[in-house]
């Protein structure tokens, strides 16, 4: 089985925003940004996605 994901980022590192989507649509247009990784922003971050994959 092959699964793909896409990610889009707009703006600079600190103030930019992005979203990601997966073929399964479970993560359809999920937000991510500097604040979701280093602060308490709404959305996901790479560490959370890896932790979920590991738990699965």
PDB file of N, CA and C in Angstrom:
ATOM      1  N   UNK A   1       0.833  -1.164   0.000  1.00  0.00           N
ATOM      2  CA  UNK A   1       0.000   0.000   0.000  1.00  0.00           C
ATOM      3  C   UNK A   1       0.891   1.245   0.000  1.00  0.00           C
ATOM      4  N   UNK A   2       0.559   2.190  -0.813  1.00  0.00           N
ATOM      5  CA  UNK A   2       1.280   3.454  -0.850  1.00  0.00           C
ATOM      6  C   UNK A   2       0.379   4.560  -0.322  1.00  0.00           C
ATOM      7  N   UNK A   3       0.959   5.386   0.518  1.00  0.00           N
ATOM      8  CA  UNK A   3       0.254   6.554   1.051  1.00  0.00           C
ATOM      9  C   UNK A   3       1.098   7.784   0.770  1.00  0.00           C
ATOM     10  N   UNK A   4       0.449   8.855   0.443  1.00  0.00           N
ATOM     11  CA  UNK A   4       1.158  10.101   0.169  1.00  0.00           C
ATOM     12  C   UNK A   4       0.599  11.215   1.043  1.00  0.00           C
ATOM     13  N   UNK A   5       1.423  12.208   1.244  1.00  0.00           N
ATOM     14  CA  UNK A   5       1.003  13.403   1.959  1.00  0.00           C
ATOM     15  C   UNK A   5       1.551  14.613   1.222  1.00  0.00           C
ATOM     16  N   UNK A   6       0.872  15.717   1.373  1.00  0.00           N
ATOM     17  CA  UNK A   6       1.349  16.970   0.801  1.00  0.00           C
ATOM     18  C   UNK A   6       1.395  18.013   1.900  1.00  0.00           C
ATOM     19  N   UNK A   7       2.319  18.934   1.773  1.00  0.00           N
ATOM     20  CA  UNK A   7       2.447  20.022   2.740  1.00  0.00           C
ATOM     21  C   UNK A   7       2.679  21.320   1.980  1.00  0.00           C
ATOM     22  N   UNK A   8       2.081  22.373   2.477  1.00  0.00           N
ATOM     23  CA  UNK A   8       2.200  23.696   1.865  1.00  0.00           C
ATOM     24  C   UNK A   8       2.558  24.686   2.952  1.00  0.00           C
ATOM     25  N   UNK A   9       3.576  25.507   2.705  1.00  0.00           N
ATOM     26  CA  UNK A   9       4.011  26.520   3.662  1.00  0.00           C
ATOM     27  C   UNK A   9       3.996  27.871   2.973  1.00  0.00           C
ATOM     28  N   UNK A  10       3.452  28.886   3.646  1.00  0.00           N
ATOM     29  CA  UNK A  10       3.437  30.255   3.126  1.00  0.00           C
ATOM     30  C   UNK A  10       4.015  31.196   4.166  1.00  0.00           C
ATOM     31  N   UNK A  11       4.969  32.013   3.753  1.00  0.00           N
ATOM     32  CA  UNK A  11       5.535  33.012   4.657  1.00  0.00           C
ATOM     33  C   UNK A  11       6.900  32.627   5.169  1.00  0.00           C
ATOM     34  N   UNK A  12       7.380  33.432   6.112  1.00  0.00           N
ATOM     35  CA  UNK A  12       8.697  33.179   6.686  1.00  0.00           C
ATOM     36  C   UNK A  12       8.584  32.182   7.843  1.00  0.00           C
ATOM     37  N   UNK A  13       9.690  31.867   8.463  1.00  0.00           N
ATOM     38  CA  UNK A  13       9.713  30.846   9.504  1.00  0.00           C
ATOM     39  C   UNK A  13       8.837  31.207  10.695  1.00  0.00           C
ATOM     40  N   UNK A  14       9.021  32.368  11.267  1.00  0.00           N
ATOM     41  CA  UNK A  14       8.350  32.742  12.517  1.00  0.00           C
ATOM     42  C   UNK A  14       6.870  33.084  12.326  1.00  0.00           C
ATOM     43  N   UNK A  15       6.523  33.739  11.237  1.00  0.00           N
ATOM     44  CA  UNK A  15       5.150  34.209  11.061  1.00  0.00           C
ATOM     45  C   UNK A  15       4.368  33.434   9.999  1.00  0.00           C
ATOM     46  N   UNK A  16       5.030  32.509   9.313  1.00  0.00           N
ATOM     47  CA  UNK A  16       4.368  31.752   8.268  1.00  0.00           C
ATOM     48  C   UNK A  16       3.413  30.707   8.819  1.00  0.00           C
ATOM     49  N   UNK A  17       2.618  30.165   7.918  1.00  0.00           N
ATOM     50  CA  UNK A  17       1.653  29.129   8.283  1.00  0.00           C
ATOM     51  C   UNK A  17       1.621  28.095   7.177  1.00  0.00           C
ATOM     52  N   UNK A  18       1.212  26.909   7.522  1.00  0.00           N
ATOM     53  CA  UNK A  18       1.103  25.860   6.529  1.00  0.00           C
ATOM     54  C   UNK A  18      -0.027  24.911   6.850  1.00  0.00           C
ATOM     55  N   UNK A  19      -0.251  23.989   5.932  1.00  0.00           N
ATOM     56  CA  UNK A  19      -1.209  22.922   6.187  1.00  0.00           C
ATOM     57  C   UNK A  19      -0.735  21.685   5.462  1.00  0.00           C
ATOM     58  N   UNK A  20      -1.173  20.549   5.955  1.00  0.00           N
ATOM     59  CA  UNK A  20      -0.811  19.285   5.335  1.00  0.00           C
ATOM     60  C   UNK A  20      -2.061  18.449   5.143  1.00  0.00           C
ATOM     61  N   UNK A  21      -2.002  17.578   4.146  1.00  0.00           N
ATOM     62  CA  UNK A  21      -3.111  16.683   3.833  1.00  0.00           C
ATOM     63  C   UNK A  21      -2.552  15.308   3.494  1.00  0.00           C
ATOM     64  N   UNK A  22      -3.350  14.286   3.750  1.00  0.00           N
ATOM     65  CA  UNK A  22      -2.953  12.918   3.434  1.00  0.00           C
ATOM     66  C   UNK A  22      -3.988  12.287   2.506  1.00  0.00           C
ATOM     67  N   UNK A  23      -3.581  11.220   1.822  1.00  0.00           N
ATOM     68  CA  UNK A  23      -4.485  10.511   0.917  1.00  0.00           C
ATOM     69  C   UNK A  23      -5.750  10.031   1.623  1.00  0.00           C
ATOM     70  N   UNK A  24      -5.615   9.630   2.874  1.00  0.00           N
ATOM     71  CA  UNK A  24      -6.767   9.101   3.607  1.00  0.00           C
ATOM     72  C   UNK A  24      -7.739  10.201   4.038  1.00  0.00           C
ATOM     73  N   UNK A  25      -7.342  11.433   3.918  1.00  0.00           N
ATOM     74  CA  UNK A  25      -8.079  12.650   4.324  1.00  0.00           C
ATOM     75  C   UNK A  25      -8.236  12.786   5.835  1.00  0.00           C
ATOM     76  N   UNK A  26      -7.638  11.905   6.627  1.00  0.00           N
ATOM     77  CA  UNK A  26      -7.692  12.041   8.074  1.00  0.00           C
ATOM     78  C   UNK A  26      -7.006  13.333   8.510  1.00  0.00           C
ATOM     79  N   UNK A  27      -5.921  13.670   7.850  1.00  0.00           N
ATOM     80  CA  UNK A  27      -5.208  14.911   8.143  1.00  0.00           C
ATOM     81  C   UNK A  27      -5.450  15.934   7.033  1.00  0.00           C
ATOM     82  N   UNK A  28      -6.674  16.055   6.610  1.00  0.00           N
ATOM     83  CA  UNK A  28      -7.005  16.957   5.510  1.00  0.00           C
ATOM     84  C   UNK A  28      -6.937  18.413   5.968  1.00  0.00           C
ATOM     85  N   UNK A  29      -6.002  19.166   5.415  1.00  0.00           N
ATOM     86  CA  UNK A  29      -5.810  20.591   5.717  1.00  0.00           C
ATOM     87  C   UNK A  29      -5.493  20.847   7.196  1.00  0.00           C
ATOM     88  N   UNK A  30      -4.703  19.968   7.801  1.00  0.00           N
ATOM     89  CA  UNK A  30      -4.277  20.148   9.185  1.00  0.00           C
ATOM     90  C   UNK A  30      -3.253  21.275   9.262  1.00  0.00           C
ATOM     91  N   UNK A  31      -3.461  22.208  10.166  1.00  0.00           N
ATOM     92  CA  UNK A  31      -2.601  23.384  10.290  1.00  0.00           C
ATOM     93  C   UNK A  31      -1.304  23.065  11.026  1.00  0.00           C
ATOM     94  N   UNK A  32      -0.250  23.769  10.629  1.00  0.00           N
ATOM     95  CA  UNK A  32       0.989  23.750  11.394  1.00  0.00           C
ATOM     96  C   UNK A  32       1.683  25.087  11.211  1.00  0.00           C
ATOM     97  N   UNK A  33       2.482  25.463  12.193  1.00  0.00           N
ATOM     98  CA  UNK A  33       3.166  26.758  12.162  1.00  0.00           C
ATOM     99  C   UNK A  33       4.310  26.739  13.166  1.00  0.00           C
ATOM    100  N   UNK A  34       5.030  27.825  13.241  1.00  0.00           N
ATOM    101  CA  UNK A  34       6.095  27.968  14.228  1.00  0.00           C
ATOM    102  C   UNK A  34       5.515  27.796  15.630  1.00  0.00           C
ATOM    103  N   UNK A  35       4.358  28.410  15.873  1.00  0.00           N
ATOM    104  CA  UNK A  35       3.784  28.351  17.222  1.00  0.00           C
ATOM    105  C   UNK A  35       3.290  26.953  17.589  1.00  0.00           C
ATOM    106  N   UNK A  36       2.908  26.126  16.618  1.00  0.00           N
ATOM    107  CA  UNK A  36       2.494  24.764  16.966  1.00  0.00           C
ATOM    108  C   UNK A  36       3.691  23.886  17.308  1.00  0.00           C
ATOM    109  N   UNK A  37       4.859  24.280  16.869  1.00  0.00           N
ATOM    110  CA  UNK A  37       6.050  23.492  17.183  1.00  0.00           C
ATOM    111  C   UNK A  37       6.775  23.990  18.421  1.00  0.00           C
ATOM    112  N   UNK A  38       6.862  25.297  18.583  1.00  0.00           N
ATOM    113  CA  UNK A  38       7.672  25.846  19.667  1.00  0.00           C
ATOM    114  C   UNK A  38       6.875  26.567  20.749  1.00  0.00           C
ATOM    115  N   UNK A  39       5.582  26.744  20.547  1.00  0.00           N
ATOM    116  CA  UNK A  39       4.738  27.430  21.518  1.00  0.00           C
ATOM    117  C   UNK A  39       3.463  26.609  21.701  1.00  0.00           C
ATOM    118  N   UNK A  40       2.361  27.246  22.030  1.00  0.00           N
ATOM    119  CA  UNK A  40       1.106  26.535  22.277  1.00  0.00           C
ATOM    120  C   UNK A  40       0.057  26.843  21.213  1.00  0.00           C
ATOM    121  N   UNK A  41       0.448  26.874  19.963  1.00  0.00           N
ATOM    122  CA  UNK A  41      -0.486  27.171  18.882  1.00  0.00           C
ATOM    123  C   UNK A  41      -1.405  26.001  18.566  1.00  0.00           C
ATOM    124  N   UNK A  42      -2.480  26.298  17.837  1.00  0.00           N
ATOM    125  CA  UNK A  42      -3.445  25.289  17.428  1.00  0.00           C
ATOM    126  C   UNK A  42      -2.953  24.624  16.156  1.00  0.00           C
ATOM    127  N   UNK A  43      -2.903  23.314  16.135  1.00  0.00           N
ATOM    128  CA  UNK A  43      -2.426  22.564  14.980  1.00  0.00           C
ATOM    129  C   UNK A  43      -1.529  21.429  15.424  1.00  0.00           C
ATOM    130  N   UNK A  44      -0.721  20.919  14.513  1.00  0.00           N
ATOM    131  CA  UNK A  44       0.151  19.791  14.820  1.00  0.00           C
ATOM    132  C   UNK A  44       1.607  20.199  14.666  1.00  0.00           C
ATOM    133  N   UNK A  45       2.510  19.259  14.899  1.00  0.00           N
ATOM    134  CA  UNK A  45       3.940  19.487  14.703  1.00  0.00           C
ATOM    135  C   UNK A  45       4.593  18.151  14.362  1.00  0.00           C
ATOM    136  N   UNK A  46       5.820  18.177  13.860  1.00  0.00           N
ATOM    137  CA  UNK A  46       6.470  16.927  13.450  1.00  0.00           C
ATOM    138  C   UNK A  46       6.599  15.899  14.566  1.00  0.00           C
ATOM    139  N   UNK A  47       6.889  16.357  15.775  1.00  0.00           N
ATOM    140  CA  UNK A  47       7.051  15.429  16.896  1.00  0.00           C
ATOM    141  C   UNK A  47       5.739  14.722  17.227  1.00  0.00           C
ATOM    142  N   UNK A  48       4.630  15.434  17.157  1.00  0.00           N
ATOM    143  CA  UNK A  48       3.332  14.839  17.420  1.00  0.00           C
ATOM    144  C   UNK A  48       2.978  13.800  16.363  1.00  0.00           C
ATOM    145  N   UNK A  49       3.281  14.102  15.106  1.00  0.00           N
ATOM    146  CA  UNK A  49       3.000  13.159  14.032  1.00  0.00           C
ATOM    147  C   UNK A  49       3.844  11.899  14.152  1.00  0.00           C
ATOM    148  N   UNK A  50       5.118  12.052  14.508  1.00  0.00           N
ATOM    149  CA  UNK A  50       5.979  10.877  14.709  1.00  0.00           C
ATOM    150  C   UNK A  50       5.523  10.050  15.909  1.00  0.00           C
ATOM    151  N   UNK A  51       5.112  10.713  16.984  1.00  0.00           N
ATOM    152  CA  UNK A  51       4.636   9.991  18.155  1.00  0.00           C
ATOM    153  C   UNK A  51       3.379   9.188  17.833  1.00  0.00           C
ATOM    154  N   UNK A  52       2.484   9.779  17.055  1.00  0.00           N
ATOM    155  CA  UNK A  52       1.258   9.064  16.657  1.00  0.00           C
ATOM    156  C   UNK A  52       1.584   7.863  15.778  1.00  0.00           C
ATOM    157  N   UNK A  53       2.525   8.029  14.856  1.00  0.00           N
ATOM    158  CA  UNK A  53       2.925   6.921  13.984  1.00  0.00           C
ATOM    159  C   UNK A  53       3.555   5.798  14.810  1.00  0.00           C
ATOM    160  N   UNK A  54       4.378   6.158  15.756  1.00  0.00           N
ATOM    161  CA  UNK A  54       5.023   5.165  16.608  1.00  0.00           C
ATOM    162  C   UNK A  54       3.983   4.422  17.464  1.00  0.00           C
ATOM    163  N   UNK A  55       3.024   5.144  17.997  1.00  0.00           N
ATOM    164  CA  UNK A  55       1.996   4.537  18.824  1.00  0.00           C
ATOM    165  C   UNK A  55       1.119   3.579  18.020  1.00  0.00           C
ATOM    166  N   UNK A  56       0.932   3.915  16.729  1.00  0.00           N
ATOM    167  CA  UNK A  56       0.101   3.070  15.870  1.00  0.00           C
ATOM    168  C   UNK A  56       0.781   1.784  15.523  1.00  0.00           C
TER     169      UNK A  56
END
